[in-house]
Protein backbone atom coordinates (compact mmCIF):
# COMPACT_ATOMS: atom_id res chain seq x y z
CA MET A 1 30.73 -90.85 62.02
CA GLY A 2 32.63 -87.10 62.45
CA LEU A 3 33.75 -84.39 64.82
CA THR A 4 30.18 -83.82 66.82
CA ASP A 5 29.60 -81.37 69.29
CA GLN A 6 30.96 -83.60 72.37
CA PHE A 7 34.02 -85.40 70.71
CA ARG A 8 35.26 -81.69 70.02
CA ALA A 9 34.08 -80.51 73.49
CA HIS A 10 36.71 -83.07 74.74
CA LEU A 11 39.49 -82.30 72.92
CA ALA A 12 38.90 -77.84 73.52
CA SER A 13 39.39 -79.09 77.08
CA GLY A 14 42.30 -79.07 77.26
CA VAL A 15 42.11 -82.76 80.00
CA THR A 16 41.96 -86.25 77.02
CA THR A 17 41.22 -89.61 77.04
CA LEU A 18 42.53 -89.86 73.27
CA CYS A 19 44.07 -92.89 71.55
CA ARG A 20 43.85 -94.33 68.11
CA CYS A 21 42.70 -97.27 66.48
CA TRP A 22 43.05 -99.12 62.96
CA ALA A 23 40.79 -101.85 61.81
CA VAL A 24 42.51 -103.35 59.09
CA THR A 25 40.35 -105.84 56.98
CA ARG A 26 42.09 -108.27 54.45
CA SER A 27 41.57 -109.64 51.00
CA ASP A 28 40.29 -113.24 52.81
CA GLY A 29 37.76 -111.54 55.24
CA THR A 30 39.22 -111.66 57.85
CA VAL A 31 38.91 -108.96 60.14
CA LEU A 32 41.72 -106.78 63.03
CA GLY A 33 41.20 -104.60 65.46
CA PHE A 34 44.48 -103.42 66.74
CA THR A 35 44.62 -99.56 69.43
CA ASP A 36 47.57 -98.04 71.57
CA HIS A 37 45.61 -97.85 73.69
CA ASP A 38 46.70 -100.35 77.14
CA VAL A 39 43.28 -101.74 77.88
CA ASP A 40 41.20 -103.81 74.61
CA LEU A 41 38.01 -101.41 72.63
CA THR A 42 34.93 -102.24 71.35
CA PHE A 43 32.53 -99.81 68.96
CA GLU A 44 31.50 -100.73 65.10
CA GLY A 45 30.68 -104.89 65.82
CA ILE A 46 35.36 -104.88 65.67
CA SER A 47 37.65 -106.08 68.63
CA PHE A 48 40.73 -103.43 69.53
CA ALA A 49 43.14 -105.06 70.98
CA ALA A 50 45.69 -103.01 73.04
CA ASP A 51 49.49 -103.68 73.09
CA SER A 52 49.83 -105.14 69.87
CA GLY A 53 51.95 -104.36 68.20
CA MET A 54 50.94 -101.80 65.25
CA ALA A 55 51.32 -97.62 65.51
CA ALA A 56 51.70 -95.45 62.14
CA ARG A 57 53.40 -93.27 61.27
CA SER A 58 51.91 -89.50 61.28
CA LEU A 59 49.08 -88.96 58.40
CA GLU A 60 50.07 -86.80 55.56
CA GLN A 61 46.47 -85.48 54.66
CA THR A 62 46.26 -82.82 51.53
CA THR A 63 43.25 -81.49 49.59
CA GLY A 64 42.75 -81.66 46.45
CA LEU A 65 43.73 -85.02 44.55
CA ALA A 66 47.52 -85.88 46.25
CA VAL A 67 47.37 -88.70 47.61
CA ASP A 68 46.73 -89.00 51.50
CA ASN A 69 49.50 -91.18 52.45
CA THR A 70 51.54 -92.16 56.12
CA GLU A 71 53.04 -95.84 57.30
CA ALA A 72 51.99 -98.56 59.58
CA LEU A 73 54.40 -100.42 62.02
CA GLY A 74 54.65 -103.32 63.96
CA VAL A 75 56.04 -106.06 65.59
CA LEU A 76 55.26 -109.52 64.61
CA SER A 77 52.85 -112.52 66.24
CA ALA A 78 51.16 -114.75 66.19
CA ALA A 79 48.13 -113.62 67.89
CA ALA A 80 47.82 -110.81 65.67
CA VAL A 81 49.83 -109.94 61.67
CA THR A 82 51.54 -112.78 61.13
CA GLU A 83 54.98 -112.93 58.79
CA ALA A 84 52.86 -116.08 57.39
CA ASP A 85 50.16 -114.41 56.38
CA ILE A 86 51.96 -111.27 55.33
CA ARG A 87 54.18 -113.92 52.54
CA ALA A 88 51.04 -115.63 51.82
CA GLY A 89 49.37 -112.20 50.30
CA ARG A 90 46.41 -111.80 52.68
CA TYR A 91 47.84 -108.41 53.29
CA ASP A 92 47.96 -107.28 49.72
CA GLY A 93 45.17 -103.85 49.79
CA ALA A 94 43.97 -105.05 51.99
CA ARG A 95 41.54 -102.25 53.37
CA VAL A 96 42.75 -99.69 56.17
CA LYS A 97 40.48 -97.14 58.68
CA ALA A 98 41.92 -95.79 61.15
CA TRP A 99 40.29 -93.47 63.89
CA LEU A 100 40.75 -91.01 66.50
CA VAL A 101 39.21 -92.49 70.13
CA ASN A 102 37.83 -91.15 73.36
CA TRP A 103 38.62 -93.96 75.19
CA ALA A 104 36.98 -92.75 77.53
CA GLU A 105 32.91 -92.61 75.58
CA VAL A 106 34.36 -94.61 72.49
CA ASP A 107 31.06 -93.26 70.37
CA GLN A 108 33.18 -90.11 70.43
CA ARG A 109 35.82 -91.04 68.03
CA MET A 110 36.77 -89.70 63.62
CA VAL A 111 38.16 -90.80 61.35
CA LEU A 112 42.15 -89.93 60.54
CA PHE A 113 42.89 -92.44 57.37
CA ALA A 114 41.10 -94.75 55.15
CA GLY A 115 42.58 -96.15 52.19
CA THR A 116 44.26 -99.60 51.59
CA ILE A 117 47.18 -101.35 52.21
CA GLY A 118 50.30 -101.11 49.23
CA GLU A 119 53.37 -102.26 49.58
CA ILE A 120 54.28 -103.98 52.72
CA GLN A 121 58.10 -105.60 54.19
CA ARG A 122 59.03 -107.84 57.21
CA ALA A 123 62.46 -107.57 58.52
CA GLY A 124 63.60 -108.81 61.87
CA GLY A 125 60.17 -109.84 63.41
CA ALA A 126 58.98 -106.68 62.47
CA PHE A 127 56.26 -104.63 59.23
CA GLN A 128 56.37 -101.66 57.18
CA ALA A 129 53.30 -101.21 55.02
CA GLU A 130 52.88 -98.26 53.05
CA LEU A 131 49.10 -97.35 53.99
CA ARG A 132 47.63 -95.11 50.46
CA GLY A 133 44.91 -93.41 50.63
CA LEU A 134 41.25 -93.78 48.76
CA SER A 135 42.00 -90.94 46.50
CA GLU A 136 44.65 -92.60 45.12
CA ALA A 137 42.69 -94.82 43.23
CA LEU A 138 42.09 -92.07 40.27
CA ASN A 139 45.26 -91.92 39.48
CA GLN A 140 44.87 -95.47 38.11
CA PRO A 141 44.44 -95.31 34.00
CA GLN A 142 40.93 -95.30 33.01
CA GLY A 143 38.62 -95.61 29.47
CA ARG A 144 38.80 -98.28 27.68
CA VAL A 145 41.13 -99.53 25.41
CA TYR A 146 41.39 -100.54 22.23
CA GLN A 147 42.73 -103.64 20.87
CA LYS A 148 41.04 -107.17 19.68
CA GLY A 149 41.14 -109.15 23.22
CA CYS A 150 38.86 -108.58 25.38
CA ALA A 151 39.99 -105.96 27.34
CA ALA A 152 36.85 -107.04 30.49
CA VAL A 153 37.15 -109.79 32.70
CA LEU A 154 35.52 -112.95 32.98
CA GLY A 155 32.47 -113.56 34.98
CA ASP A 156 32.98 -109.60 35.67
CA ALA A 157 29.35 -106.96 35.63
CA ALA A 158 30.97 -106.06 31.93
CA CYS A 159 31.43 -109.75 31.02
CA GLY A 160 28.41 -110.75 32.30
CA VAL A 161 30.25 -114.58 32.26
CA ASP A 162 27.64 -116.06 35.61
CA LEU A 163 30.68 -118.57 36.65
CA ASP A 164 28.00 -120.14 38.01
CA ALA A 165 26.62 -121.73 35.78
CA PRO A 166 26.23 -125.44 34.73
CA GLY A 167 30.23 -126.58 32.84
CA TYR A 168 31.86 -123.48 34.39
CA SER A 169 32.98 -123.78 37.25
CA ALA A 170 34.10 -126.88 39.54
CA VAL A 171 34.50 -127.40 43.62
CA VAL A 172 37.14 -131.15 44.36
CA PRO A 173 40.20 -132.16 47.01
CA VAL A 174 42.99 -131.21 46.45
CA GLU A 175 44.21 -135.32 44.57
CA THR A 176 48.33 -134.14 44.53
CA VAL A 177 49.15 -131.67 44.72
CA SER A 178 53.22 -130.37 43.56
CA GLY A 179 55.95 -127.20 44.87
CA GLY A 180 52.42 -125.64 45.28
CA LYS A 181 52.09 -125.25 41.78
CA PHE A 182 51.43 -128.69 40.17
CA PHE A 183 48.04 -130.36 40.87
CA THR A 184 46.12 -133.73 39.27
CA PHE A 185 42.35 -133.92 39.37
CA SER A 186 40.32 -136.98 38.55
CA SER A 187 37.76 -135.70 38.97
CA LEU A 188 37.87 -133.14 36.08
CA GLY A 189 36.88 -135.45 33.76
CA GLY A 190 33.82 -133.97 32.40
CA PHE A 191 35.57 -131.36 31.45
CA ALA A 192 37.36 -131.11 27.80
CA ASP A 193 41.32 -130.24 27.16
CA ARG A 194 42.83 -126.63 28.44
CA TRP A 195 39.35 -126.35 29.82
CA PHE A 196 40.30 -124.62 33.23
CA GLU A 197 43.78 -123.10 30.71
CA LYS A 198 43.62 -119.04 31.28
CA GLY A 199 41.17 -119.48 34.94
CA ARG A 200 41.78 -119.08 38.16
CA LEU A 201 41.98 -121.89 41.31
CA ARG A 202 41.18 -120.46 45.24
CA VAL A 203 41.63 -122.75 47.89
CA GLU A 204 38.05 -122.52 49.96
CA ASP A 205 39.90 -124.05 53.03
CA GLY A 206 42.69 -125.17 54.79
CA ALA A 207 45.91 -123.57 55.83
CA ALA A 208 45.90 -121.53 51.71
CA ARG A 209 41.97 -121.08 52.50
CA GLY A 210 41.28 -117.16 50.40
CA LEU A 211 44.54 -117.40 47.64
CA VAL A 212 43.76 -117.20 44.31
CA ALA A 213 46.50 -118.49 42.01
CA LEU A 214 45.86 -118.36 37.25
CA VAL A 215 45.81 -121.93 35.19
CA LYS A 216 48.54 -121.93 33.16
CA ASN A 217 47.96 -125.10 31.47
CA ASP A 218 45.52 -127.51 32.03
CA ARG A 219 46.26 -131.17 29.92
CA PHE A 220 43.94 -133.83 30.65
CA SER A 221 44.54 -137.06 29.67
CA ASP A 222 43.90 -141.26 30.60
CA GLY A 223 40.62 -139.33 32.53
CA VAL A 224 42.67 -136.72 34.93
CA HIS A 225 43.20 -132.24 34.60
CA GLU A 226 46.82 -131.80 35.11
CA ILE A 227 46.62 -128.40 36.13
CA GLU A 228 49.99 -126.28 35.92
CA LEU A 229 49.76 -122.67 37.96
CA TRP A 230 51.75 -119.88 36.44
CA GLU A 231 53.40 -118.99 39.90
CA ALA A 232 53.37 -121.68 43.18
CA LEU A 233 50.41 -120.61 46.00
CA PRO A 234 52.45 -118.74 48.86
CA ALA A 235 50.83 -120.99 51.31
CA GLN A 236 50.44 -124.78 51.88
CA VAL A 237 47.88 -127.31 50.05
CA ALA A 238 47.72 -130.28 51.23
CA PRO A 239 46.58 -133.24 49.54
CA GLY A 240 42.06 -133.26 50.55
CA ASP A 241 41.81 -129.33 50.63
CA THR A 242 38.91 -128.38 48.53
CA VAL A 243 39.66 -125.64 45.12
CA ARG A 244 37.38 -123.99 43.64
CA ILE A 245 38.44 -124.16 39.83
CA GLU A 246 37.72 -122.04 37.02
CA ALA A 247 36.71 -122.30 33.00
CA GLY A 248 39.77 -119.95 30.63
CA CYS A 249 39.15 -117.31 28.55
CA ASP A 250 42.48 -116.36 26.44
CA ARG A 251 39.90 -113.01 25.88
CA ARG A 252 39.74 -114.05 21.59
CA LEU A 253 35.63 -113.73 19.81
CA ARG A 254 35.93 -117.63 18.39
CA THR A 255 36.43 -117.91 22.40
CA CYS A 256 33.63 -116.15 23.27
CA ARG A 257 31.11 -117.61 20.71
CA LEU A 258 32.24 -120.73 21.21
CA LYS A 259 33.08 -121.65 24.60
CA PHE A 260 30.45 -118.83 26.69
CA ALA A 261 27.42 -117.81 24.29
CA ASN A 262 28.51 -114.56 25.01
CA THR A 263 29.53 -112.65 21.79
CA VAL A 264 27.23 -109.61 22.54
CA ASN A 265 29.35 -108.70 25.35
CA PHE A 266 32.88 -108.86 23.65
CA ARG A 267 35.03 -105.86 25.27
CA GLY A 268 37.47 -106.46 22.26
CA PHE A 269 37.86 -104.61 18.61
CA PRO A 270 38.74 -108.09 16.49
CA ALA A 271 38.34 -105.67 13.06
CA ILE A 272 40.99 -103.65 14.57
CA PRO A 273 44.50 -103.01 12.51
CA GLY A 274 47.21 -104.96 12.87
CA GLU A 275 50.71 -103.27 12.48
CA ASP A 276 51.98 -104.36 9.19
CA TRP A 277 48.08 -101.63 7.99
CA LEU A 278 49.04 -99.16 10.38
CA MET A 279 52.77 -98.78 8.59
CA SER A 280 52.18 -99.77 5.64
CA VAL A 281 52.60 -96.47 3.32
CA PRO A 282 52.44 -96.40 -0.30
CA ARG A 283 53.28 -98.17 -3.60
CA ARG A 284 53.91 -97.24 -7.52
CA ASP A 285 53.14 -100.64 -7.69
CA GLY A 286 50.72 -102.84 -6.18
CA LEU A 287 46.37 -102.51 -5.66
CA ASN A 288 46.00 -99.48 -2.37
CA ASP A 289 42.85 -99.72 -2.14
CA GLY A 290 42.68 -100.66 2.05
CA GLY A 291 41.97 -103.77 1.46
CA SER A 292 43.71 -107.20 3.16
CA LEU A 293 47.54 -106.85 2.61
CA ASN A 294 47.60 -110.59 2.21
CA GLY A 295 46.06 -110.56 -0.77
């Protein structure tokens, strides 16, 4: 909502009833609202909690393509931002929106900031989060990279593989877990050895709900899949918790053809010359016709 005539008149009156509100949408879909007003406010379907211990420093906004940024400061509490959720990465990349609001008439408001949470730190019962504006995305490299391996992410729009199709994913309960990193499943007996290697594991319920990790190793023997993650999940996973595990892809053309029958969407360049060819020089003896260097 922009600056309406009514809100403009209120700001020009010299006697204002203003506050600031923030909405944080975490990676797991949870939406949290905060305000520096002394009474809870509600608008856009979000309840903004008063005295929640969250505040923002001055916002730096510029014209052009420069990145807007600010910082959010707050106190860790069981009711709002918890240390366990920060440690679990639930606020990494979370969307943030901030308003200037007339608390006496919340329909009179304007957006001050929209962006995402960048680096977040915690210490001494408090947190400090870097907020990055929407123009931050323009700082990311664009375009395709010429490489032998596929540049798409398995299951995304460029790849086109439907991971919900039979054989490409499974939702199963955890049977054993060690250190949040090593899992065993006897209910995955229909899948081949290493089928889930380089795939993803997502926790569907329990204390680690919504967390996603990459599969490092998948070994199948005696009817049991032993799954090892690259990094331990930052929240506790208990036996009986449900996880979704997806097939892995090593980004090779052979895998794309045989495992996923998806060669038409392969986003790599398997015939691109290697480093040996690029660094080679003509020789006085031997064949110099641009063919294979392996004879």
